[in-house]
Amino acid sequence: MHVPDGLLSPPVVIGTNAVSLAVLAQSVRAVRRDLEPEKLPAMGAAAAFLFAAQMVNFPLLGAATSGHLIGGAFAAILFGFYPATLIMAVILFLQAILFQDGGITALGLNILAMGIVAPLVGRAVYGGLSRLPDAVRAFVASWLSVEAGAFIIALMLGLSGVVPYGPAIATLLFWHAWIGIGEGLITAVILPFARRSAYRLVDEA
């Protein structure tokens, strides 16, 4: 889902960077105020896992972007929305700087889609399905978070004039519906183990 440089119009670049910076600033304030220091090792471990998982990506035919595991819902379910946005922003920044995976000018959009919208939707859906089994909640939350992020990318590509809105939305949502199934299954399987590992790291801190 990483968008490279050269695709977005200046207004979209400015707008998405402004929105992402505003949300990240609020996330920093919230994490400084509320986060228990003992959770930092667990957050670091989750960030390392997601960083590695996101590096496995492939181009999507007709979509002007790539597909891969995102992990926004996974991070938000484990740590909450604000910590998840910071985890995802750090991952996306490092990928753009070190590996040119996602453009520098597109960083605001990539963070908005994968680091803000995906965790927000994932956390909200997971919380809203509290009566369902945990694995089902994790699967649905992850799937919808992937689709939500893809929709934002498609919307901004259409707004930039890269591709028409209809084909952009249809193509990205189609491909990411399949990617979301994989992400949902992975999240549902590893979430219990990740929780136990996170608790253990907190206890050892």
N, C-alpha and C. Protein backbone atom coordinates (compact mmCIF):
# COMPACT_ATOMS: atom_id res chain seq x y z
N MET A 1 0.82 -1.21 0.00
CA MET A 1 0.00 0.00 0.00
C MET A 1 0.86 1.26 0.00
N HIS A 2 2.18 1.11 0.08
CA HIS A 2 3.05 2.28 0.09
C HIS A 2 2.92 3.06 -1.22
N VAL A 3 2.67 4.34 -1.13
CA VAL A 3 2.60 5.21 -2.30
C VAL A 3 3.98 5.83 -2.51
N PRO A 4 4.54 5.76 -3.73
CA PRO A 4 5.86 6.34 -3.99
C PRO A 4 5.78 7.84 -4.27
N ASP A 5 6.95 8.45 -4.42
CA ASP A 5 7.01 9.86 -4.81
C ASP A 5 6.50 10.04 -6.23
N GLY A 6 6.07 11.26 -6.53
CA GLY A 6 5.74 11.63 -7.90
C GLY A 6 4.31 11.39 -8.32
N LEU A 7 3.48 10.85 -7.46
CA LEU A 7 2.10 10.56 -7.83
C LEU A 7 1.10 11.58 -7.30
N LEU A 8 1.41 12.19 -6.18
CA LEU A 8 0.42 13.03 -5.50
C LEU A 8 0.55 14.49 -5.92
N SER A 9 -0.57 15.16 -6.02
CA SER A 9 -0.58 16.59 -6.34
C SER A 9 -0.13 17.39 -5.12
N PRO A 10 0.41 18.60 -5.32
CA PRO A 10 0.86 19.41 -4.18
C PRO A 10 -0.21 19.62 -3.11
N PRO A 11 -1.47 19.92 -3.47
CA PRO A 11 -2.47 20.09 -2.40
C PRO A 11 -2.67 18.82 -1.57
N VAL A 12 -2.63 17.66 -2.21
CA VAL A 12 -2.79 16.40 -1.48
C VAL A 12 -1.59 16.16 -0.57
N VAL A 13 -0.39 16.44 -1.08
CA VAL A 13 0.82 16.29 -0.25
C VAL A 13 0.72 17.18 0.98
N ILE A 14 0.39 18.44 0.78
CA ILE A 14 0.30 19.39 1.90
C ILE A 14 -0.80 18.99 2.87
N GLY A 15 -1.96 18.65 2.35
CA GLY A 15 -3.09 18.30 3.20
C GLY A 15 -2.86 17.05 4.02
N THR A 16 -2.36 15.99 3.38
CA THR A 16 -2.16 14.74 4.12
C THR A 16 -1.03 14.86 5.13
N ASN A 17 0.01 15.61 4.79
CA ASN A 17 1.08 15.83 5.77
C ASN A 17 0.58 16.63 6.96
N ALA A 18 -0.24 17.64 6.70
CA ALA A 18 -0.76 18.46 7.80
C ALA A 18 -1.64 17.64 8.73
N VAL A 19 -2.54 16.84 8.16
CA VAL A 19 -3.42 16.01 8.99
C VAL A 19 -2.61 15.00 9.80
N SER A 20 -1.66 14.34 9.14
CA SER A 20 -0.86 13.33 9.84
C SER A 20 -0.03 13.94 10.96
N LEU A 21 0.58 15.09 10.69
CA LEU A 21 1.37 15.75 11.73
C LEU A 21 0.51 16.15 12.92
N ALA A 22 -0.68 16.63 12.66
CA ALA A 22 -1.58 17.02 13.75
C ALA A 22 -1.96 15.82 14.62
N VAL A 23 -2.29 14.71 13.97
CA VAL A 23 -2.67 13.51 14.74
C VAL A 23 -1.47 12.96 15.50
N LEU A 24 -0.30 12.95 14.87
CA LEU A 24 0.89 12.44 15.55
C LEU A 24 1.27 13.32 16.74
N ALA A 25 1.10 14.63 16.61
CA ALA A 25 1.37 15.51 17.75
C ALA A 25 0.45 15.19 18.91
N GLN A 26 -0.81 14.96 18.62
CA GLN A 26 -1.75 14.56 19.67
C GLN A 26 -1.39 13.20 20.25
N SER A 27 -0.91 12.29 19.41
CA SER A 27 -0.51 10.97 19.88
C SER A 27 0.67 11.07 20.84
N VAL A 28 1.64 11.92 20.50
CA VAL A 28 2.79 12.11 21.38
C VAL A 28 2.34 12.62 22.74
N ARG A 29 1.45 13.60 22.74
CA ARG A 29 0.95 14.14 24.01
C ARG A 29 0.22 13.06 24.81
N ALA A 30 -0.61 12.28 24.14
CA ALA A 30 -1.38 11.25 24.83
C ALA A 30 -0.48 10.16 25.39
N VAL A 31 0.52 9.75 24.62
CA VAL A 31 1.43 8.69 25.07
C VAL A 31 2.28 9.18 26.23
N ARG A 32 2.77 10.40 26.15
CA ARG A 32 3.55 10.96 27.27
C ARG A 32 2.72 11.02 28.55
N ARG A 33 1.45 11.30 28.40
CA ARG A 33 0.57 11.45 29.56
C ARG A 33 0.14 10.11 30.14
N ASP A 34 -0.15 9.15 29.28
CA ASP A 34 -0.85 7.96 29.73
C ASP A 34 -0.05 6.66 29.68
N LEU A 35 0.97 6.58 28.83
CA LEU A 35 1.64 5.29 28.64
C LEU A 35 2.49 4.91 29.83
N GLU A 36 2.37 3.66 30.24
CA GLU A 36 3.23 3.13 31.29
C GLU A 36 4.58 2.78 30.68
N PRO A 37 5.69 3.26 31.28
CA PRO A 37 7.02 3.00 30.71
C PRO A 37 7.32 1.52 30.52
N GLU A 38 6.70 0.68 31.34
CA GLU A 38 6.95 -0.76 31.25
C GLU A 38 6.50 -1.35 29.92
N LYS A 39 5.63 -0.64 29.21
CA LYS A 39 5.12 -1.16 27.94
C LYS A 39 6.04 -0.87 26.76
N LEU A 40 7.05 -0.03 26.97
CA LEU A 40 7.92 0.36 25.86
C LEU A 40 8.65 -0.82 25.21
N PRO A 41 9.20 -1.78 25.99
CA PRO A 41 9.85 -2.92 25.33
C PRO A 41 8.89 -3.71 24.45
N ALA A 42 7.67 -3.90 24.91
CA ALA A 42 6.68 -4.62 24.11
C ALA A 42 6.34 -3.86 22.83
N MET A 43 6.24 -2.54 22.93
CA MET A 43 5.98 -1.73 21.74
C MET A 43 7.14 -1.81 20.76
N GLY A 44 8.35 -1.81 21.28
CA GLY A 44 9.52 -1.94 20.41
C GLY A 44 9.55 -3.28 19.70
N ALA A 45 9.20 -4.34 20.41
CA ALA A 45 9.17 -5.67 19.80
C ALA A 45 8.10 -5.75 18.71
N ALA A 46 6.93 -5.17 18.98
CA ALA A 46 5.86 -5.16 17.98
C ALA A 46 6.27 -4.34 16.76
N ALA A 47 6.93 -3.21 16.98
CA ALA A 47 7.38 -2.38 15.87
C ALA A 47 8.39 -3.13 15.00
N ALA A 48 9.31 -3.86 15.63
CA ALA A 48 10.30 -4.62 14.87
C ALA A 48 9.63 -5.70 14.03
N PHE A 49 8.65 -6.38 14.61
CA PHE A 49 7.93 -7.42 13.87
C PHE A 49 7.19 -6.83 12.67
N LEU A 50 6.48 -5.74 12.88
CA LEU A 50 5.71 -5.13 11.80
C LEU A 50 6.62 -4.53 10.73
N PHE A 51 7.75 -3.98 11.15
CA PHE A 51 8.72 -3.43 10.19
C PHE A 51 9.17 -4.52 9.23
N ALA A 52 9.54 -5.68 9.79
CA ALA A 52 10.00 -6.79 8.95
C ALA A 52 8.87 -7.32 8.07
N ALA A 53 7.67 -7.44 8.64
CA ALA A 53 6.55 -7.99 7.89
C ALA A 53 6.16 -7.09 6.73
N GLN A 54 6.23 -5.78 6.92
CA GLN A 54 5.85 -4.85 5.86
C GLN A 54 6.85 -4.81 4.72
N MET A 55 8.07 -5.27 4.95
CA MET A 55 9.08 -5.23 3.89
C MET A 55 8.79 -6.24 2.79
N VAL A 56 7.94 -7.21 3.06
CA VAL A 56 7.55 -8.19 2.04
C VAL A 56 6.35 -7.61 1.30
N ASN A 57 6.58 -6.98 0.15
CA ASN A 57 5.48 -6.38 -0.59
C ASN A 57 5.60 -6.67 -2.08
N PHE A 58 4.53 -6.42 -2.79
CA PHE A 58 4.47 -6.73 -4.22
C PHE A 58 3.59 -5.70 -4.91
N PRO A 59 3.88 -5.40 -6.19
CA PRO A 59 3.07 -4.40 -6.91
C PRO A 59 1.67 -4.92 -7.18
N LEU A 60 0.70 -4.01 -7.18
CA LEU A 60 -0.68 -4.35 -7.49
C LEU A 60 -1.01 -3.87 -8.89
N LEU A 61 -1.40 -4.78 -9.75
CA LEU A 61 -1.68 -4.47 -11.14
C LEU A 61 -2.75 -3.40 -11.26
N GLY A 62 -2.40 -2.28 -11.91
CA GLY A 62 -3.37 -1.23 -12.17
C GLY A 62 -3.66 -0.32 -10.99
N ALA A 63 -2.86 -0.44 -9.90
CA ALA A 63 -3.20 0.32 -8.70
C ALA A 63 -2.20 1.42 -8.36
N ALA A 64 -1.05 1.48 -9.04
CA ALA A 64 -0.02 2.49 -8.80
C ALA A 64 0.52 2.44 -7.38
N THR A 65 0.42 1.30 -6.73
CA THR A 65 0.92 1.15 -5.37
C THR A 65 1.22 -0.32 -5.13
N SER A 66 1.53 -0.70 -3.88
CA SER A 66 1.93 -2.07 -3.58
C SER A 66 1.06 -2.66 -2.49
N GLY A 67 1.14 -3.98 -2.33
CA GLY A 67 0.38 -4.66 -1.30
C GLY A 67 1.29 -5.37 -0.33
N HIS A 68 0.89 -5.41 0.93
CA HIS A 68 1.68 -6.06 1.98
C HIS A 68 0.87 -6.08 3.27
N LEU A 69 1.34 -6.81 4.26
CA LEU A 69 0.74 -6.76 5.58
C LEU A 69 0.91 -5.35 6.15
N ILE A 70 -0.10 -4.85 6.84
CA ILE A 70 -0.04 -3.50 7.41
C ILE A 70 0.22 -3.54 8.91
N GLY A 71 -0.67 -4.15 9.66
CA GLY A 71 -0.45 -4.29 11.10
C GLY A 71 -1.01 -3.18 11.96
N GLY A 72 -1.71 -2.22 11.36
CA GLY A 72 -2.25 -1.12 12.15
C GLY A 72 -3.27 -1.57 13.17
N ALA A 73 -4.16 -2.46 12.77
CA ALA A 73 -5.16 -2.98 13.71
C ALA A 73 -4.49 -3.80 14.80
N PHE A 74 -3.52 -4.61 14.43
CA PHE A 74 -2.78 -5.43 15.40
C PHE A 74 -2.16 -4.55 16.48
N ALA A 75 -1.48 -3.48 16.07
CA ALA A 75 -0.83 -2.59 17.04
C ALA A 75 -1.86 -1.87 17.90
N ALA A 76 -2.98 -1.45 17.29
CA ALA A 76 -4.00 -0.71 18.04
C ALA A 76 -4.72 -1.61 19.04
N ILE A 77 -4.96 -2.86 18.67
CA ILE A 77 -5.60 -3.80 19.59
C ILE A 77 -4.69 -4.07 20.79
N LEU A 78 -3.40 -4.19 20.52
CA LEU A 78 -2.45 -4.49 21.60
C LEU A 78 -2.22 -3.30 22.53
N PHE A 79 -2.05 -2.11 21.95
CA PHE A 79 -1.55 -0.97 22.74
C PHE A 79 -2.50 0.22 22.80
N GLY A 80 -3.51 0.26 21.95
CA GLY A 80 -4.38 1.42 21.88
C GLY A 80 -4.07 2.26 20.65
N PHE A 81 -4.98 3.17 20.32
CA PHE A 81 -4.85 3.94 19.09
C PHE A 81 -3.63 4.84 19.07
N TYR A 82 -3.42 5.64 20.10
CA TYR A 82 -2.32 6.60 20.07
C TYR A 82 -0.95 5.94 20.00
N PRO A 83 -0.65 4.94 20.84
CA PRO A 83 0.63 4.25 20.68
C PRO A 83 0.79 3.61 19.30
N ALA A 84 -0.31 3.07 18.77
CA ALA A 84 -0.24 2.42 17.46
C ALA A 84 0.13 3.41 16.36
N THR A 85 -0.41 4.62 16.42
CA THR A 85 -0.07 5.61 15.40
C THR A 85 1.42 5.93 15.42
N LEU A 86 2.00 6.01 16.60
CA LEU A 86 3.44 6.31 16.69
C LEU A 86 4.27 5.13 16.21
N ILE A 87 3.87 3.92 16.57
CA ILE A 87 4.57 2.73 16.08
C ILE A 87 4.56 2.70 14.55
N MET A 88 3.40 2.90 13.97
CA MET A 88 3.28 2.83 12.52
C MET A 88 4.02 3.97 11.84
N ALA A 89 3.98 5.16 12.42
CA ALA A 89 4.67 6.31 11.83
C ALA A 89 6.18 6.09 11.81
N VAL A 90 6.73 5.55 12.89
CA VAL A 90 8.17 5.27 12.93
C VAL A 90 8.54 4.23 11.87
N ILE A 91 7.74 3.18 11.76
CA ILE A 91 8.00 2.15 10.76
C ILE A 91 7.98 2.75 9.35
N LEU A 92 6.96 3.50 9.04
CA LEU A 92 6.82 4.06 7.69
C LEU A 92 7.92 5.08 7.39
N PHE A 93 8.31 5.86 8.39
CA PHE A 93 9.40 6.83 8.19
C PHE A 93 10.71 6.11 7.89
N LEU A 94 11.03 5.08 8.68
CA LEU A 94 12.28 4.34 8.47
C LEU A 94 12.29 3.64 7.12
N GLN A 95 11.17 3.07 6.72
CA GLN A 95 11.10 2.41 5.42
C GLN A 95 11.33 3.40 4.29
N ALA A 96 10.75 4.58 4.41
CA ALA A 96 10.92 5.59 3.36
C ALA A 96 12.35 6.09 3.29
N ILE A 97 12.97 6.32 4.45
CA ILE A 97 14.32 6.88 4.50
C ILE A 97 15.38 5.84 4.13
N LEU A 98 15.26 4.64 4.68
CA LEU A 98 16.31 3.63 4.53
C LEU A 98 16.17 2.80 3.26
N PHE A 99 14.94 2.52 2.85
CA PHE A 99 14.72 1.58 1.76
C PHE A 99 13.92 2.16 0.59
N GLN A 100 13.59 3.45 0.66
CA GLN A 100 12.77 4.08 -0.38
C GLN A 100 11.47 3.29 -0.62
N ASP A 101 10.96 2.68 0.44
CA ASP A 101 9.70 1.95 0.37
C ASP A 101 8.59 2.92 0.79
N GLY A 102 8.02 3.60 -0.21
CA GLY A 102 7.12 4.71 0.06
C GLY A 102 7.88 6.02 -0.08
N GLY A 103 7.28 6.99 -0.74
CA GLY A 103 7.98 8.24 -1.01
C GLY A 103 8.02 9.18 0.18
N ILE A 104 9.01 10.07 0.16
CA ILE A 104 9.11 11.09 1.21
C ILE A 104 7.94 12.06 1.11
N THR A 105 7.63 12.50 -0.11
CA THR A 105 6.50 13.43 -0.26
C THR A 105 5.16 12.74 0.01
N ALA A 106 5.14 11.42 -0.13
CA ALA A 106 3.90 10.66 0.13
C ALA A 106 3.83 10.14 1.55
N LEU A 107 4.80 10.51 2.38
CA LEU A 107 4.84 9.97 3.74
C LEU A 107 3.59 10.36 4.53
N GLY A 108 3.12 11.59 4.33
CA GLY A 108 1.91 12.01 5.04
C GLY A 108 0.72 11.14 4.70
N LEU A 109 0.56 10.81 3.42
CA LEU A 109 -0.55 9.95 3.01
C LEU A 109 -0.37 8.53 3.52
N ASN A 110 0.85 8.01 3.41
CA ASN A 110 1.09 6.64 3.89
C ASN A 110 0.82 6.53 5.39
N ILE A 111 1.23 7.54 6.15
CA ILE A 111 0.95 7.53 7.59
C ILE A 111 -0.54 7.68 7.84
N LEU A 112 -1.19 8.56 7.08
CA LEU A 112 -2.63 8.74 7.26
C LEU A 112 -3.39 7.44 7.03
N ALA A 113 -3.05 6.75 5.94
CA ALA A 113 -3.79 5.52 5.59
C ALA A 113 -3.44 4.36 6.50
N MET A 114 -2.14 4.09 6.66
CA MET A 114 -1.71 2.89 7.39
C MET A 114 -1.45 3.13 8.87
N GLY A 115 -1.09 4.37 9.22
CA GLY A 115 -0.72 4.66 10.60
C GLY A 115 -1.79 5.35 11.41
N ILE A 116 -2.83 5.85 10.76
CA ILE A 116 -3.90 6.55 11.48
C ILE A 116 -5.26 5.91 11.21
N VAL A 117 -5.66 5.86 9.95
CA VAL A 117 -6.98 5.31 9.62
C VAL A 117 -7.06 3.82 9.94
N ALA A 118 -6.04 3.05 9.55
CA ALA A 118 -6.08 1.60 9.81
C ALA A 118 -6.15 1.29 11.31
N PRO A 119 -5.29 1.88 12.16
CA PRO A 119 -5.43 1.63 13.60
C PRO A 119 -6.76 2.13 14.17
N LEU A 120 -7.23 3.28 13.69
CA LEU A 120 -8.49 3.83 14.21
C LEU A 120 -9.65 2.89 13.91
N VAL A 121 -9.75 2.44 12.67
CA VAL A 121 -10.83 1.53 12.29
C VAL A 121 -10.67 0.18 12.99
N GLY A 122 -9.44 -0.33 13.02
CA GLY A 122 -9.22 -1.62 13.66
C GLY A 122 -9.58 -1.62 15.13
N ARG A 123 -9.16 -0.60 15.83
CA ARG A 123 -9.47 -0.50 17.27
C ARG A 123 -10.96 -0.33 17.50
N ALA A 124 -11.61 0.51 16.70
CA ALA A 124 -13.03 0.77 16.88
C ALA A 124 -13.87 -0.48 16.59
N VAL A 125 -13.54 -1.18 15.51
CA VAL A 125 -14.30 -2.38 15.16
C VAL A 125 -14.07 -3.47 16.19
N TYR A 126 -12.84 -3.66 16.61
CA TYR A 126 -12.53 -4.68 17.62
C TYR A 126 -13.30 -4.41 18.90
N GLY A 127 -13.33 -3.16 19.33
CA GLY A 127 -14.08 -2.82 20.54
C GLY A 127 -15.58 -2.96 20.37
N GLY A 128 -16.06 -2.70 19.15
CA GLY A 128 -17.49 -2.78 18.91
C GLY A 128 -18.04 -4.18 18.79
N LEU A 129 -17.15 -5.16 18.62
CA LEU A 129 -17.58 -6.55 18.45
C LEU A 129 -17.30 -7.37 19.71
N SER A 130 -17.45 -6.75 20.86
CA SER A 130 -17.03 -7.37 22.12
C SER A 130 -17.78 -8.66 22.45
N ARG A 131 -18.95 -8.88 21.85
CA ARG A 131 -19.71 -10.09 22.15
C ARG A 131 -19.26 -11.29 21.32
N LEU A 132 -18.44 -11.06 20.33
CA LEU A 132 -17.97 -12.14 19.47
C LEU A 132 -16.69 -12.76 20.01
N PRO A 133 -16.34 -13.98 19.58
CA PRO A 133 -15.06 -14.57 19.98
C PRO A 133 -13.90 -13.68 19.57
N ASP A 134 -12.85 -13.71 20.36
CA ASP A 134 -11.73 -12.79 20.14
C ASP A 134 -11.11 -12.95 18.76
N ALA A 135 -10.97 -14.19 18.29
CA ALA A 135 -10.37 -14.41 16.98
C ALA A 135 -11.21 -13.80 15.87
N VAL A 136 -12.53 -13.88 15.99
CA VAL A 136 -13.42 -13.28 14.99
C VAL A 136 -13.30 -11.77 15.03
N ARG A 137 -13.26 -11.20 16.22
CA ARG A 137 -13.09 -9.75 16.36
C ARG A 137 -11.80 -9.29 15.71
N ALA A 138 -10.72 -10.00 15.97
CA ALA A 138 -9.42 -9.62 15.41
C ALA A 138 -9.42 -9.72 13.89
N PHE A 139 -10.04 -10.79 13.37
CA PHE A 139 -10.08 -10.96 11.91
C PHE A 139 -10.87 -9.84 11.24
N VAL A 140 -12.08 -9.60 11.72
CA VAL A 140 -12.94 -8.57 11.11
C VAL A 140 -12.31 -7.19 11.24
N ALA A 141 -11.76 -6.89 12.41
CA ALA A 141 -11.14 -5.58 12.63
C ALA A 141 -9.96 -5.37 11.69
N SER A 142 -9.14 -6.40 11.53
CA SER A 142 -7.98 -6.29 10.65
C SER A 142 -8.40 -6.14 9.20
N TRP A 143 -9.38 -6.94 8.78
CA TRP A 143 -9.83 -6.88 7.39
C TRP A 143 -10.38 -5.49 7.06
N LEU A 144 -11.23 -4.98 7.92
CA LEU A 144 -11.81 -3.66 7.68
C LEU A 144 -10.77 -2.55 7.75
N SER A 145 -9.77 -2.71 8.61
CA SER A 145 -8.72 -1.70 8.70
C SER A 145 -7.91 -1.62 7.41
N VAL A 146 -7.66 -2.77 6.80
CA VAL A 146 -6.94 -2.80 5.53
C VAL A 146 -7.76 -2.13 4.43
N GLU A 147 -9.04 -2.45 4.36
CA GLU A 147 -9.91 -1.85 3.36
C GLU A 147 -10.04 -0.33 3.56
N ALA A 148 -10.10 0.10 4.82
CA ALA A 148 -10.21 1.53 5.09
C ALA A 148 -8.96 2.27 4.65
N GLY A 149 -7.80 1.71 4.94
CA GLY A 149 -6.55 2.33 4.50
C GLY A 149 -6.45 2.38 2.99
N ALA A 150 -6.85 1.29 2.32
CA ALA A 150 -6.82 1.25 0.86
C ALA A 150 -7.77 2.29 0.27
N PHE A 151 -8.91 2.49 0.90
CA PHE A 151 -9.87 3.48 0.41
C PHE A 151 -9.28 4.89 0.47
N ILE A 152 -8.59 5.20 1.56
CA ILE A 152 -7.96 6.53 1.69
C ILE A 152 -6.91 6.72 0.61
N ILE A 153 -6.08 5.70 0.37
CA ILE A 153 -5.07 5.79 -0.68
C ILE A 153 -5.73 6.03 -2.03
N ALA A 154 -6.75 5.24 -2.34
CA ALA A 154 -7.45 5.37 -3.62
C ALA A 154 -8.06 6.76 -3.78
N LEU A 155 -8.64 7.26 -2.71
CA LEU A 155 -9.28 8.58 -2.74
C LEU A 155 -8.25 9.66 -3.06
N MET A 156 -7.09 9.58 -2.44
CA MET A 156 -6.06 10.60 -2.65
C MET A 156 -5.40 10.46 -4.02
N LEU A 157 -5.26 9.23 -4.52
CA LEU A 157 -4.75 9.05 -5.89
C LEU A 157 -5.73 9.63 -6.90
N GLY A 158 -7.01 9.42 -6.66
CA GLY A 158 -8.02 10.01 -7.54
C GLY A 158 -8.02 11.52 -7.47
N LEU A 159 -7.90 12.06 -6.26
CA LEU A 159 -7.88 13.51 -6.07
C LEU A 159 -6.66 14.13 -6.74
N SER A 160 -5.57 13.37 -6.81
CA SER A 160 -4.34 13.86 -7.45
C SER A 160 -4.38 13.72 -8.96
N GLY A 161 -5.40 13.04 -9.49
CA GLY A 161 -5.50 12.87 -10.93
C GLY A 161 -4.66 11.76 -11.49
N VAL A 162 -4.14 10.88 -10.64
CA VAL A 162 -3.31 9.76 -11.11
C VAL A 162 -4.16 8.77 -11.88
N VAL A 163 -5.28 8.41 -11.30
CA VAL A 163 -6.26 7.51 -11.92
C VAL A 163 -7.65 8.03 -11.56
N PRO A 164 -8.66 7.74 -12.36
CA PRO A 164 -10.02 8.15 -11.99
C PRO A 164 -10.46 7.51 -10.68
N TYR A 165 -11.35 8.19 -9.97
CA TYR A 165 -11.79 7.71 -8.66
C TYR A 165 -12.34 6.28 -8.72
N GLY A 166 -13.23 6.03 -9.67
CA GLY A 166 -13.88 4.72 -9.73
C GLY A 166 -12.91 3.57 -9.86
N PRO A 167 -12.05 3.57 -10.90
CA PRO A 167 -11.08 2.49 -11.04
C PRO A 167 -10.10 2.41 -9.87
N ALA A 168 -9.69 3.56 -9.33
CA ALA A 168 -8.74 3.54 -8.21
C ALA A 168 -9.36 2.85 -7.00
N ILE A 169 -10.58 3.24 -6.66
CA ILE A 169 -11.24 2.65 -5.49
C ILE A 169 -11.54 1.18 -5.73
N ALA A 170 -12.07 0.84 -6.91
CA ALA A 170 -12.42 -0.55 -7.20
C ALA A 170 -11.18 -1.44 -7.18
N THR A 171 -10.10 -0.99 -7.81
CA THR A 171 -8.89 -1.82 -7.89
C THR A 171 -8.26 -2.02 -6.53
N LEU A 172 -8.07 -0.93 -5.80
CA LEU A 172 -7.41 -1.05 -4.50
C LEU A 172 -8.26 -1.84 -3.50
N LEU A 173 -9.56 -1.61 -3.48
CA LEU A 173 -10.40 -2.36 -2.55
C LEU A 173 -10.47 -3.83 -2.93
N PHE A 174 -10.45 -4.13 -4.23
CA PHE A 174 -10.47 -5.54 -4.66
C PHE A 174 -9.22 -6.26 -4.19
N TRP A 175 -8.04 -5.71 -4.50
CA TRP A 175 -6.79 -6.37 -4.11
C TRP A 175 -6.65 -6.45 -2.60
N HIS A 176 -7.00 -5.38 -1.92
CA HIS A 176 -6.81 -5.37 -0.47
C HIS A 176 -7.88 -6.16 0.27
N ALA A 177 -8.96 -6.50 -0.40
CA ALA A 177 -9.91 -7.44 0.22
C ALA A 177 -9.23 -8.79 0.42
N TRP A 178 -8.43 -9.20 -0.56
CA TRP A 178 -7.68 -10.46 -0.43
C TRP A 178 -6.53 -10.32 0.55
N ILE A 179 -5.81 -9.21 0.46
CA ILE A 179 -4.73 -8.97 1.42
C ILE A 179 -5.28 -8.92 2.84
N GLY A 180 -6.46 -8.30 2.99
CA GLY A 180 -7.08 -8.21 4.30
C GLY A 180 -7.44 -9.55 4.89
N ILE A 181 -7.82 -10.51 4.04
CA ILE A 181 -8.10 -11.85 4.54
C ILE A 181 -6.84 -12.45 5.16
N GLY A 182 -5.72 -12.31 4.44
CA GLY A 182 -4.46 -12.81 4.99
C GLY A 182 -4.08 -12.11 6.27
N GLU A 183 -4.21 -10.78 6.28
CA GLU A 183 -3.87 -10.03 7.49
C GLU A 183 -4.80 -10.39 8.65
N GLY A 184 -6.08 -10.58 8.34
CA GLY A 184 -7.02 -10.95 9.39
C GLY A 184 -6.68 -12.29 10.01
N LEU A 185 -6.33 -13.25 9.17
CA LEU A 185 -5.97 -14.58 9.67
C LEU A 185 -4.70 -14.51 10.51
N ILE A 186 -3.70 -13.79 10.01
CA ILE A 186 -2.44 -13.66 10.76
C ILE A 186 -2.68 -12.99 12.11
N THR A 187 -3.46 -11.92 12.11
CA THR A 187 -3.74 -11.21 13.36
C THR A 187 -4.49 -12.09 14.34
N ALA A 188 -5.49 -12.81 13.85
CA ALA A 188 -6.28 -13.68 14.73
C ALA A 188 -5.42 -14.77 15.35
N VAL A 189 -4.45 -15.27 14.59
CA VAL A 189 -3.60 -16.36 15.09
C VAL A 189 -2.55 -15.86 16.07
N ILE A 190 -1.87 -14.75 15.72
CA ILE A 190 -0.73 -14.33 16.54
C ILE A 190 -1.11 -13.42 17.70
N LEU A 191 -2.32 -12.85 17.68
CA LEU A 191 -2.69 -11.91 18.74
C LEU A 191 -2.60 -12.52 20.14
N PRO A 192 -3.11 -13.74 20.38
CA PRO A 192 -2.98 -14.31 21.74
C PRO A 192 -1.52 -14.47 22.17
N PHE A 193 -0.66 -14.91 21.25
CA PHE A 193 0.75 -15.07 21.58
C PHE A 193 1.41 -13.72 21.81
N ALA A 194 1.04 -12.73 20.99
CA ALA A 194 1.60 -11.39 21.16
C ALA A 194 1.20 -10.80 22.50
N ARG A 195 -0.04 -11.03 22.91
CA ARG A 195 -0.49 -10.53 24.20
C ARG A 195 0.33 -11.15 25.33
N ARG A 196 0.51 -12.45 25.28
CA ARG A 196 1.28 -13.12 26.34
C ARG A 196 2.72 -12.61 26.36
N SER A 197 3.31 -12.44 25.18
CA SER A 197 4.68 -11.94 25.12
C SER A 197 4.76 -10.51 25.63
N ALA A 198 3.76 -9.69 25.28
CA ALA A 198 3.75 -8.31 25.76
C ALA A 198 3.63 -8.26 27.27
N TYR A 199 2.77 -9.09 27.85
CA TYR A 199 2.61 -9.12 29.30
C TYR A 199 3.92 -9.55 29.97
N ARG A 200 4.59 -10.52 29.34
CA ARG A 200 5.84 -11.00 29.92
C ARG A 200 6.91 -9.90 29.89
N LEU A 201 6.98 -9.17 28.78
CA LEU A 201 7.95 -8.07 28.70
C LEU A 201 7.63 -6.98 29.71
N VAL A 202 6.34 -6.71 29.91
CA VAL A 202 5.95 -5.70 30.91
C VAL A 202 6.35 -6.16 32.30
N ASP A 203 6.13 -7.44 32.60
CA ASP A 203 6.47 -7.97 33.92
C ASP A 203 7.97 -7.91 34.17
N GLU A 204 8.76 -8.11 33.10
CA GLU A 204 10.22 -8.13 33.25
C GLU A 204 10.81 -6.73 33.29
N ALA A 205 10.06 -5.73 32.82
CA ALA A 205 10.59 -4.36 32.76
C ALA A 205 10.72 -3.75 34.16
